[in-house]
């Protein structure tokens, strides 16, 4: 499985379709007062799909990092208890299966790794393959250091603990950042909706007030410019609050 590619589920596709249809209808009514605004539906659908795919990739990456951290903890503890490297990874497979289920991300990966080890495939090669598919810099760094230590006879327990501490520190820092910006994200969502709400208020309470902006070239160009500026502002606000380590 390539964790750098996220495929939407049928439920997410339907959600994107519904949201795109709703947004298209709102834009057609508020910005153009015409059914021609529904022509934006395919564009909005593609944009929403890209956003859902990006959010899905981030969610999968977070799950993978968290589960991989637990794998390193279990392997390190098993090595300290006197297990061989191969048996330590088998114990990690059992632990992850009990914590997250056999069908979890690392549950499937460890099952495949342990099966491949039984076929005499080197563990470092399997970890390198996982690192390439994961797109996670911590897993990639661990696989590189693990392969070097395997060749030179390094202290695996120290490597495991050092990598686990590094990933834990990064994970905890990122969670703290997300907590700090949570209130700002709520403010952003409220401000995102304000232009649409103001237009809806004027349309409902002041009938005919906005008619000068509809069904004429100048008005259509002006409202199109406002819509583009609105979309740009939404994108800019989202990038400001997208803080990733």
C-alpha atoms as a PDB file:
ATOM      1  CA  UNK A   1       0.000   0.000   0.000  1.00  0.00           C
ATOM      2  CA  UNK A   2       1.290   3.430  -0.971  1.00  0.00           C
ATOM      3  CA  UNK A   3       0.457   5.756   1.919  1.00  0.00           C
ATOM      4  CA  UNK A   4       1.213   8.823  -0.203  1.00  0.00           C
ATOM      5  CA  UNK A   5      -1.893   8.143  -2.296  1.00  0.00           C
ATOM      6  CA  UNK A   6      -5.360   8.339  -0.769  1.00  0.00           C
ATOM      7  CA  UNK A   7      -8.429   7.069  -2.598  1.00  0.00           C
ATOM      8  CA  UNK A   8     -11.803   8.415  -1.575  1.00  0.00           C
ATOM      9  CA  UNK A   9     -14.405   5.979  -0.324  1.00  0.00           C
ATOM     10  CA  UNK A  10     -17.856   5.862  -2.021  1.00  0.00           C
ATOM     11  CA  UNK A  11     -19.275   7.673   1.008  1.00  0.00           C
ATOM     12  CA  UNK A  12     -16.717  10.462   0.633  1.00  0.00           C
ATOM     13  CA  UNK A  13     -17.474  10.720  -3.087  1.00  0.00           C
ATOM     14  CA  UNK A  14     -21.169  11.155  -2.302  1.00  0.00           C
ATOM     15  CA  UNK A  15     -20.328  13.758   0.324  1.00  0.00           C
ATOM     16  CA  UNK A  16     -18.248  15.685  -2.212  1.00  0.00           C
ATOM     17  CA  UNK A  17     -21.086  15.492  -4.732  1.00  0.00           C
ATOM     18  CA  UNK A  18     -23.604  16.800  -2.193  1.00  0.00           C
ATOM     19  CA  UNK A  19     -21.372  19.611  -1.017  1.00  0.00           C
ATOM     20  CA  UNK A  20     -20.466  20.620  -4.586  1.00  0.00           C
ATOM     21  CA  UNK A  21     -24.134  20.676  -5.566  1.00  0.00           C
ATOM     22  CA  UNK A  22     -25.050  22.750  -2.499  1.00  0.00           C
ATOM     23  CA  UNK A  23     -22.213  25.232  -2.999  1.00  0.00           C
ATOM     24  CA  UNK A  24     -23.001  25.542  -6.704  1.00  0.00           C
ATOM     25  CA  UNK A  25     -26.636  26.293  -5.915  1.00  0.00           C
ATOM     26  CA  UNK A  26     -25.648  28.930  -3.331  1.00  0.00           C
ATOM     27  CA  UNK A  27     -23.203  30.593  -5.737  1.00  0.00           C
ATOM     28  CA  UNK A  28     -25.736  30.506  -8.585  1.00  0.00           C
ATOM     29  CA  UNK A  29     -28.358  32.167  -6.380  1.00  0.00           C
ATOM     30  CA  UNK A  30     -26.223  34.654  -4.434  1.00  0.00           C
ATOM     31  CA  UNK A  31     -23.581  35.683  -6.982  1.00  0.00           C
ATOM     32  CA  UNK A  32     -25.425  35.358 -10.285  1.00  0.00           C
ATOM     33  CA  UNK A  33     -29.143  34.915  -9.534  1.00  0.00           C
ATOM     34  CA  UNK A  34     -29.163  32.472 -12.415  1.00  0.00           C
ATOM     35  CA  UNK A  35     -29.086  28.735 -12.975  1.00  0.00           C
ATOM     36  CA  UNK A  36     -26.007  29.238 -15.151  1.00  0.00           C
ATOM     37  CA  UNK A  37     -24.010  29.383 -11.935  1.00  0.00           C
ATOM     38  CA  UNK A  38     -24.507  25.614 -11.626  1.00  0.00           C
ATOM     39  CA  UNK A  39     -21.862  25.264 -14.341  1.00  0.00           C
ATOM     40  CA  UNK A  40     -19.369  25.628 -11.489  1.00  0.00           C
ATOM     41  CA  UNK A  41     -20.471  22.239 -10.123  1.00  0.00           C
ATOM     42  CA  UNK A  42     -17.708  20.112 -11.769  1.00  0.00           C
ATOM     43  CA  UNK A  43     -15.015  22.613 -10.752  1.00  0.00           C
ATOM     44  CA  UNK A  44     -16.203  22.626  -7.140  1.00  0.00           C
ATOM     45  CA  UNK A  45     -16.475  18.844  -7.145  1.00  0.00           C
ATOM     46  CA  UNK A  46     -12.834  18.483  -8.258  1.00  0.00           C
ATOM     47  CA  UNK A  47     -11.674  21.036  -5.668  1.00  0.00           C
ATOM     48  CA  UNK A  48     -13.554  19.247  -2.880  1.00  0.00           C
ATOM     49  CA  UNK A  49     -12.156  15.890  -4.004  1.00  0.00           C
ATOM     50  CA  UNK A  50      -8.604  17.258  -3.808  1.00  0.00           C
ATOM     51  CA  UNK A  51      -9.286  18.662  -0.344  1.00  0.00           C
ATOM     52  CA  UNK A  52     -10.717  15.368   0.900  1.00  0.00           C
ATOM     53  CA  UNK A  53      -7.775  13.468  -0.555  1.00  0.00           C
ATOM     54  CA  UNK A  54      -5.305  15.801   1.161  1.00  0.00           C
ATOM     55  CA  UNK A  55      -7.171  15.494   4.465  1.00  0.00           C
ATOM     56  CA  UNK A  56      -7.275  11.710   4.054  1.00  0.00           C
ATOM     57  CA  UNK A  57      -3.524  11.534   3.435  1.00  0.00           C
ATOM     58  CA  UNK A  58      -2.845  13.616   6.545  1.00  0.00           C
ATOM     59  CA  UNK A  59      -5.138  11.408   8.611  1.00  0.00           C
ATOM     60  CA  UNK A  60      -3.445   8.230   7.372  1.00  0.00           C
ATOM     61  CA  UNK A  61       0.016   9.707   7.984  1.00  0.00           C
ATOM     62  CA  UNK A  62      -0.957  10.601  11.562  1.00  0.00           C
ATOM     63  CA  UNK A  63      -2.265   7.080  12.207  1.00  0.00           C
ATOM     64  CA  UNK A  64       0.820   5.514  10.654  1.00  0.00           C
ATOM     65  CA  UNK A  65       3.210   7.651  12.740  1.00  0.00           C
ATOM     66  CA  UNK A  66       1.338   6.893  15.969  1.00  0.00           C
ATOM     67  CA  UNK A  67       1.206   3.146  15.318  1.00  0.00           C
ATOM     68  CA  UNK A  68       4.834   3.022  14.205  1.00  0.00           C
ATOM     69  CA  UNK A  69       5.818   4.701  17.465  1.00  0.00           C
ATOM     70  CA  UNK A  70       4.059   1.907  19.376  1.00  0.00           C
ATOM     71  CA  UNK A  71       5.852  -0.640  17.198  1.00  0.00           C
ATOM     72  CA  UNK A  72       9.239   0.806  18.165  1.00  0.00           C
ATOM     73  CA  UNK A  73       8.317   0.807  21.851  1.00  0.00           C
ATOM     74  CA  UNK A  74       7.275  -2.855  21.701  1.00  0.00           C
ATOM     75  CA  UNK A  75      10.342  -3.943  19.714  1.00  0.00           C
ATOM     76  CA  UNK A  76      12.646  -2.065  22.099  1.00  0.00           C
ATOM     77  CA  UNK A  77      11.008  -3.670  25.148  1.00  0.00           C
ATOM     78  CA  UNK A  78      11.242  -7.114  23.562  1.00  0.00           C
ATOM     79  CA  UNK A  79      14.935  -6.649  22.781  1.00  0.00           C
ATOM     80  CA  UNK A  80      15.584  -5.596  26.368  1.00  0.00           C
ATOM     81  CA  UNK A  81      13.775  -8.759  27.494  1.00  0.00           C
ATOM     82  CA  UNK A  82      16.244 -10.854  25.506  1.00  0.00           C
ATOM     83  CA  UNK A  83      14.284 -11.566  22.316  1.00  0.00           C
ATOM     84  CA  UNK A  84      16.082 -11.823  19.007  1.00  0.00           C
ATOM     85  CA  UNK A  85      15.412  -9.067  16.456  1.00  0.00           C
ATOM     86  CA  UNK A  86      13.069 -11.254  14.368  1.00  0.00           C
ATOM     87  CA  UNK A  87      11.113 -12.434  17.420  1.00  0.00           C
ATOM     88  CA  UNK A  88      10.886  -8.850  18.690  1.00  0.00           C
ATOM     89  CA  UNK A  89       9.094  -7.815  15.497  1.00  0.00           C
ATOM     90  CA  UNK A  90       6.773 -10.816  15.811  1.00  0.00           C
ATOM     91  CA  UNK A  91       5.886  -9.694  19.326  1.00  0.00           C
ATOM     92  CA  UNK A  92       5.280  -6.199  17.975  1.00  0.00           C
ATOM     93  CA  UNK A  93       2.861  -7.696  15.446  1.00  0.00           C
ATOM     94  CA  UNK A  94       0.869  -9.350  18.228  1.00  0.00           C
ATOM     95  CA  UNK A  95       0.871  -6.159  20.326  1.00  0.00           C
ATOM     96  CA  UNK A  96      -0.274  -3.920  17.469  1.00  0.00           C
ATOM     97  CA  UNK A  97      -2.983  -6.431  16.513  1.00  0.00           C
ATOM     98  CA  UNK A  98      -4.319  -6.336  20.081  1.00  0.00           C
ATOM     99  CA  UNK A  99      -4.144  -2.526  20.281  1.00  0.00           C
ATOM    100  CA  UNK A 100      -5.432  -1.505  16.851  1.00  0.00           C
ATOM    101  CA  UNK A 101      -6.637  -4.704  15.223  1.00  0.00           C
ATOM    102  CA  UNK A 102      -5.068  -6.962  12.625  1.00  0.00           C
ATOM    103  CA  UNK A 103      -6.539  -4.809   9.839  1.00  0.00           C
ATOM    104  CA  UNK A 104      -4.874  -1.626  11.117  1.00  0.00           C
ATOM    105  CA  UNK A 105      -2.157   0.074   9.069  1.00  0.00           C
ATOM    106  CA  UNK A 106       0.805  -1.286  11.004  1.00  0.00           C
ATOM    107  CA  UNK A 107      -1.067  -4.498  11.770  1.00  0.00           C
ATOM    108  CA  UNK A 108      -1.103  -5.351   8.064  1.00  0.00           C
ATOM    109  CA  UNK A 109       2.460  -4.129   7.577  1.00  0.00           C
ATOM    110  CA  UNK A 110       3.851  -6.202  10.453  1.00  0.00           C
ATOM    111  CA  UNK A 111       1.986  -9.276   9.270  1.00  0.00           C
ATOM    112  CA  UNK A 112       3.581  -8.869   5.840  1.00  0.00           C
ATOM    113  CA  UNK A 113       7.007  -8.107   7.320  1.00  0.00           C
ATOM    114  CA  UNK A 114       6.991 -11.152   9.596  1.00  0.00           C
ATOM    115  CA  UNK A 115       5.762 -13.388   6.793  1.00  0.00           C
ATOM    116  CA  UNK A 116       8.538 -12.103   4.514  1.00  0.00           C
ATOM    117  CA  UNK A 117      11.165 -12.603   7.244  1.00  0.00           C
ATOM    118  CA  UNK A 118      10.093 -16.248   7.428  1.00  0.00           C
ATOM    119  CA  UNK A 119      10.920 -16.434   3.708  1.00  0.00           C
ATOM    120  CA  UNK A 120      14.455 -15.209   4.504  1.00  0.00           C
ATOM    121  CA  UNK A 121      13.960 -11.680   3.147  1.00  0.00           C
ATOM    122  CA  UNK A 122      16.229  -9.289   5.114  1.00  0.00           C
ATOM    123  CA  UNK A 123      14.379  -7.160   7.641  1.00  0.00           C
ATOM    124  CA  UNK A 124      16.244  -3.998   6.606  1.00  0.00           C
ATOM    125  CA  UNK A 125      15.004  -4.404   3.022  1.00  0.00           C
ATOM    126  CA  UNK A 126      11.435  -4.705   4.232  1.00  0.00           C
ATOM    127  CA  UNK A 127      11.790  -1.573   6.365  1.00  0.00           C
ATOM    128  CA  UNK A 128      13.282   0.330   3.432  1.00  0.00           C
ATOM    129  CA  UNK A 129      10.297  -0.699   1.326  1.00  0.00           C
ATOM    130  CA  UNK A 130       7.921   0.502   4.045  1.00  0.00           C
ATOM    131  CA  UNK A 131       9.796   3.805   4.275  1.00  0.00           C
ATOM    132  CA  UNK A 132       9.479   4.389   0.523  1.00  0.00           C
ATOM    133  CA  UNK A 133       5.742   3.695   0.527  1.00  0.00           C
ATOM    134  CA  UNK A 134       4.987   5.591   3.717  1.00  0.00           C
ATOM    135  CA  UNK A 135       6.401   8.981   2.766  1.00  0.00           C
ATOM    136  CA  UNK A 136       7.084   9.467   6.474  1.00  0.00           C
ATOM    137  CA  UNK A 137      10.496  11.072   7.174  1.00  0.00           C
ATOM    138  CA  UNK A 138      10.771   9.429  10.602  1.00  0.00           C
ATOM    139  CA  UNK A 139      10.228   5.942   9.199  1.00  0.00           C
ATOM    140  CA  UNK A 140      12.683   6.692   6.395  1.00  0.00           C
ATOM    141  CA  UNK A 141      15.327   7.850   8.890  1.00  0.00           C
ATOM    142  CA  UNK A 142      14.774   4.803  11.067  1.00  0.00           C
ATOM    143  CA  UNK A 143      15.063   2.413   8.105  1.00  0.00           C
ATOM    144  CA  UNK A 144      18.315   4.046   7.020  1.00  0.00           C
ATOM    145  CA  UNK A 145      19.845   3.941  10.508  1.00  0.00           C
ATOM    146  CA  UNK A 146      18.582   0.386  11.073  1.00  0.00           C
ATOM    147  CA  UNK A 147      20.206  -0.833   7.848  1.00  0.00           C
ATOM    148  CA  UNK A 148      23.510   0.843   8.788  1.00  0.00           C
ATOM    149  CA  UNK A 149      23.397  -0.612  12.323  1.00  0.00           C
ATOM    150  CA  UNK A 150      22.630  -4.078  10.941  1.00  0.00           C
ATOM    151  CA  UNK A 151      25.741  -3.918   8.755  1.00  0.00           C
ATOM    152  CA  UNK A 152      28.016  -2.435  11.413  1.00  0.00           C
ATOM    153  CA  UNK A 153      26.595  -4.259  14.455  1.00  0.00           C
ATOM    154  CA  UNK A 154      25.178  -1.218  16.269  1.00  0.00           C
ATOM    155  CA  UNK A 155      23.160  -1.115  19.472  1.00  0.00           C
ATOM    156  CA  UNK A 156      19.600  -1.709  18.292  1.00  0.00           C
ATOM    157  CA  UNK A 157      18.003  -0.898  21.637  1.00  0.00           C
ATOM    158  CA  UNK A 158      19.608   2.546  21.658  1.00  0.00           C
ATOM    159  CA  UNK A 159      18.529   3.107  18.065  1.00  0.00           C
ATOM    160  CA  UNK A 160      14.947   2.106  18.848  1.00  0.00           C
ATOM    161  CA  UNK A 161      14.713   4.278  21.921  1.00  0.00           C
ATOM    162  CA  UNK A 162      16.307   7.274  20.205  1.00  0.00           C
ATOM    163  CA  UNK A 163      13.991   7.043  17.210  1.00  0.00           C
ATOM    164  CA  UNK A 164      10.945   6.523  19.432  1.00  0.00           C
ATOM    165  CA  UNK A 165      11.842   9.581  21.536  1.00  0.00           C
ATOM    166  CA  UNK A 166      12.315  11.686  18.397  1.00  0.00           C
ATOM    167  CA  UNK A 167       8.961  10.633  16.895  1.00  0.00           C
ATOM    168  CA  UNK A 168       7.196  11.082  20.251  1.00  0.00           C
ATOM    169  CA  UNK A 169       8.587  14.609  20.663  1.00  0.00           C
ATOM    170  CA  UNK A 170       7.540  15.532  17.150  1.00  0.00           C
ATOM    171  CA  UNK A 171       4.088  13.983  17.594  1.00  0.00           C
ATOM    172  CA  UNK A 172       3.488  15.736  20.938  1.00  0.00           C
ATOM    173  CA  UNK A 173       4.654  19.082  19.569  1.00  0.00           C
ATOM    174  CA  UNK A 174       2.319  18.815  16.609  1.00  0.00           C
ATOM    175  CA  UNK A 175      -0.621  17.948  18.864  1.00  0.00           C
ATOM    176  CA  UNK A 176       0.140  21.001  21.022  1.00  0.00           C
ATOM    177  CA  UNK A 177       0.216  23.203  17.923  1.00  0.00           C
ATOM    178  CA  UNK A 178      -3.150  21.861  16.752  1.00  0.00           C
ATOM    179  CA  UNK A 179      -4.669  22.575  20.178  1.00  0.00           C
ATOM    180  CA  UNK A 180      -3.320  26.131  20.134  1.00  0.00           C
ATOM    181  CA  UNK A 181      -4.763  26.916  16.696  1.00  0.00           C
ATOM    182  CA  UNK A 182      -8.106  25.141  17.276  1.00  0.00           C
ATOM    183  CA  UNK A 183      -9.846  28.368  18.331  1.00  0.00           C
ATOM    184  CA  UNK A 184      -8.399  30.188  15.315  1.00  0.00           C
ATOM    185  CA  UNK A 185      -9.749  27.465  13.037  1.00  0.00           C
ATOM    186  CA  UNK A 186     -13.221  28.018  14.478  1.00  0.00           C
ATOM    187  CA  UNK A 187     -12.895  31.761  13.876  1.00  0.00           C
ATOM    188  CA  UNK A 188     -11.741  31.036  10.336  1.00  0.00           C
ATOM    189  CA  UNK A 189     -14.812  28.886   9.628  1.00  0.00           C
ATOM    190  CA  UNK A 190     -17.111  31.634  10.905  1.00  0.00           C
ATOM    191  CA  UNK A 191     -15.365  34.307   8.818  1.00  0.00           C
ATOM    192  CA  UNK A 192     -15.437  32.018   5.764  1.00  0.00           C
ATOM    193  CA  UNK A 193     -19.226  31.941   5.893  1.00  0.00           C
ATOM    194  CA  UNK A 194     -19.720  35.679   6.503  1.00  0.00           C
ATOM    195  CA  UNK A 195     -19.659  36.907   2.849  1.00  0.00           C
ATOM    196  CA  UNK A 196     -22.258  34.323   1.845  1.00  0.00           C
ATOM    197  CA  UNK A 197     -24.409  35.163   4.859  1.00  0.00           C
ATOM    198  CA  UNK A 198     -24.236  38.902   4.111  1.00  0.00           C
ATOM    199  CA  UNK A 199     -25.297  38.322   0.507  1.00  0.00           C
ATOM    200  CA  UNK A 200     -28.118  36.033   1.641  1.00  0.00           C
ATOM    201  CA  UNK A 201     -29.272  38.658   4.155  1.00  0.00           C
ATOM    202  CA  UNK A 202     -29.363  41.367   1.478  1.00  0.00           C
ATOM    203  CA  UNK A 203     -31.191  39.087  -0.954  1.00  0.00           C
ATOM    204  CA  UNK A 204     -33.859  38.218   1.574  1.00  0.00           C
ATOM    205  CA  UNK A 205     -34.344  41.521   3.404  1.00  0.00           C
ATOM    206  CA  UNK A 206     -33.703  43.992   0.568  1.00  0.00           C
ATOM    207  CA  UNK A 207     -35.449  42.553  -2.466  1.00  0.00           C
ATOM    208  CA  UNK A 208     -34.159  44.147  -5.665  1.00  0.00           C
ATOM    209  CA  UNK A 209     -31.208  45.882  -3.974  1.00  0.00           C
ATOM    210  CA  UNK A 210     -28.678  43.643  -5.733  1.00  0.00           C
ATOM    211  CA  UNK A 211     -30.466  43.438  -9.079  1.00  0.00           C
ATOM    212  CA  UNK A 212     -27.999  45.884 -10.631  1.00  0.00           C
ATOM    213  CA  UNK A 213     -25.298  43.209 -10.216  1.00  0.00           C
ATOM    214  CA  UNK A 214     -27.232  40.526 -12.089  1.00  0.00           C
ATOM    215  CA  UNK A 215     -27.986  39.840 -15.770  1.00  0.00           C
ATOM    216  CA  UNK A 216     -25.649  42.450 -17.189  1.00  0.00           C
ATOM    217  CA  UNK A 217     -21.991  42.114 -18.284  1.00  0.00           C
ATOM    218  CA  UNK A 218     -20.606  44.616 -15.784  1.00  0.00           C
ATOM    219  CA  UNK A 219     -22.419  43.057 -12.856  1.00  0.00           C
ATOM    220  CA  UNK A 220     -21.476  39.523 -13.862  1.00  0.00           C
ATOM    221  CA  UNK A 221     -17.798  40.507 -14.171  1.00  0.00           C
ATOM    222  CA  UNK A 222     -17.903  42.275 -10.818  1.00  0.00           C
ATOM    223  CA  UNK A 223     -19.525  39.333  -9.025  1.00  0.00           C
ATOM    224  CA  UNK A 224     -17.120  36.914 -10.728  1.00  0.00           C
ATOM    225  CA  UNK A 225     -14.205  39.009  -9.460  1.00  0.00           C
ATOM    226  CA  UNK A 226     -15.701  38.964  -5.958  1.00  0.00           C
ATOM    227  CA  UNK A 227     -16.111  35.193  -6.153  1.00  0.00           C
ATOM    228  CA  UNK A 228     -12.478  34.728  -7.244  1.00  0.00           C
ATOM    229  CA  UNK A 229     -11.265  37.030  -4.451  1.00  0.00           C
ATOM    230  CA  UNK A 230     -13.448  35.124  -1.976  1.00  0.00           C
ATOM    231  CA  UNK A 231     -11.958  31.799  -3.071  1.00  0.00           C
ATOM    232  CA  UNK A 232      -8.448  33.228  -2.849  1.00  0.00           C
ATOM    233  CA  UNK A 233      -9.103  34.520   0.662  1.00  0.00           C
ATOM    234  CA  UNK A 234     -10.363  31.079   1.744  1.00  0.00           C
ATOM    235  CA  UNK A 235      -7.257  29.399   0.339  1.00  0.00           C
ATOM    236  CA  UNK A 236      -4.918  31.940   1.941  1.00  0.00           C
ATOM    237  CA  UNK A 237      -6.620  31.629   5.348  1.00  0.00           C
ATOM    238  CA  UNK A 238      -6.364  27.836   5.206  1.00  0.00           C
ATOM    239  CA  UNK A 239      -2.644  27.954   4.370  1.00  0.00           C
ATOM    240  CA  UNK A 240      -1.968  30.306   7.286  1.00  0.00           C
ATOM    241  CA  UNK A 241      -3.450  27.807   9.733  1.00  0.00           C
ATOM    242  CA  UNK A 242      -1.931  24.716   8.088  1.00  0.00           C
ATOM    243  CA  UNK A 243       1.003  24.201  10.451  1.00  0.00           C
ATOM    244  CA  UNK A 244       2.731  20.863   9.997  1.00  0.00           C
ATOM    245  CA  UNK A 245       6.087  19.658  11.293  1.00  0.00           C
END
